[in-house]
Amino acid sequence: MAKVENIFVGGSLEQGDIMPIKLGRSVTRIDRVTKKATVEHDYMHTHSTKDLIEKYNNDMTRKKDKRKIKIELVKRGGVSFG
């Protein structure tokens, strides 16, 4: 396994940490009462295997996203491509 070097000076990443893979866009939601903004990210690991297989087989999915989904499904195991 390749080690990831900490390129951030004073950052929160430790050596060997890998950032999670995003599937969709980040959404900023603003609470109407408090006016506070919260950012919600759509990460790959939050989706079920069934959901990822459906997205992979969909014709409207971008090639870039299909590549990400394939890597995630191979990492989880139990899915073969060929």
Protein backbone atom coordinates (compact mmCIF):
# COMPACT_ATOMS: atom_id res chain seq x y z
CA MET A 1 0.00 0.00 0.00
CA ALA A 2 1.36 3.38 -0.97
CA LYS A 3 1.94 5.90 1.77
CA VAL A 4 0.50 9.37 1.38
CA GLU A 5 2.78 12.15 2.51
CA ASN A 6 1.38 15.02 4.50
CA ILE A 7 1.62 17.96 2.10
CA PHE A 8 -0.30 20.32 4.37
CA VAL A 9 1.81 22.33 6.76
CA GLY A 10 0.03 22.15 10.09
CA GLY A 11 -2.81 20.19 8.50
CA SER A 12 -4.95 17.58 10.16
CA LEU A 13 -3.87 14.72 7.88
CA GLU A 14 -1.62 12.10 9.39
CA GLN A 15 0.74 10.02 7.28
CA GLY A 16 -1.16 7.20 5.60
CA ASP A 17 -4.58 8.89 5.82
CA ILE A 18 -6.55 8.93 2.60
CA MET A 19 -9.36 11.36 1.89
CA PRO A 20 -12.82 9.82 1.24
CA ILE A 21 -14.04 9.61 -2.37
CA LYS A 22 -16.90 11.92 -3.35
CA LEU A 23 -19.63 10.70 -5.69
CA GLY A 24 -21.94 13.69 -6.04
CA ARG A 25 -21.76 17.39 -5.45
CA SER A 26 -21.54 19.04 -2.05
CA VAL A 27 -24.72 20.82 -0.97
CA THR A 28 -24.82 23.91 1.23
CA ARG A 29 -27.97 24.08 3.33
CA ILE A 30 -28.91 27.28 5.16
CA ASP A 31 -31.13 27.10 8.22
CA ARG A 32 -33.86 29.71 7.76
CA VAL A 33 -34.15 30.47 11.46
CA THR A 34 -30.51 30.69 12.56
CA LYS A 35 -29.05 31.57 9.13
CA LYS A 36 -26.24 29.07 9.73
CA ALA A 37 -24.86 27.25 6.70
CA THR A 38 -23.99 23.55 6.82
CA VAL A 39 -22.22 21.68 4.03
CA GLU A 40 -23.33 18.13 3.24
CA HIS A 41 -20.95 15.96 1.22
CA ASP A 42 -21.95 12.89 -0.82
CA TYR A 43 -19.25 10.31 -0.09
CA MET A 44 -18.92 6.93 -1.81
CA HIS A 45 -18.75 4.91 1.43
CA THR A 46 -22.21 6.10 2.51
CA HIS A 47 -23.95 4.34 -0.41
CA SER A 48 -25.04 0.69 -0.31
CA THR A 49 -23.49 -1.86 -2.67
CA LYS A 50 -26.86 -2.33 -4.38
CA ASP A 51 -27.15 1.42 -4.97
CA LEU A 52 -23.62 1.60 -6.41
CA ILE A 53 -24.31 -1.31 -8.79
CA GLU A 54 -27.47 0.44 -10.02
CA LYS A 55 -25.54 3.66 -10.62
CA TYR A 56 -22.75 1.77 -12.40
CA ASN A 57 -25.22 0.07 -14.78
CA ASN A 58 -27.10 3.31 -15.52
CA ASP A 59 -26.36 4.74 -18.98
CA MET A 60 -26.50 8.33 -17.70
CA THR A 61 -23.59 7.86 -15.24
CA ARG A 62 -20.40 9.69 -16.26
CA LYS A 63 -17.30 7.63 -17.11
CA LYS A 64 -15.41 9.35 -14.31
CA ASP A 65 -18.03 8.25 -11.77
CA LYS A 66 -18.17 4.71 -13.19
CA ARG A 67 -14.43 4.43 -12.65
CA LYS A 68 -14.79 5.58 -9.02
CA ILE A 69 -17.71 3.18 -8.42
CA LYS A 70 -15.80 0.24 -9.93
CA ILE A 71 -12.80 0.90 -7.66
CA GLU A 72 -15.09 1.08 -4.60
CA LEU A 73 -16.93 -2.14 -5.50
CA VAL A 74 -13.66 -4.03 -6.05
CA LYS A 75 -12.39 -2.69 -2.70
CA ARG A 76 -15.55 -3.95 -0.94
CA GLY A 77 -15.23 -7.36 -2.64
CA GLY A 78 -17.89 -9.79 -3.84
CA VAL A 79 -18.34 -8.06 -7.22
CA SER A 80 -16.53 -9.23 -10.34
CA PHE A 81 -16.06 -7.34 -13.60
CA GLY A 82 -15.22 -9.08 -16.77
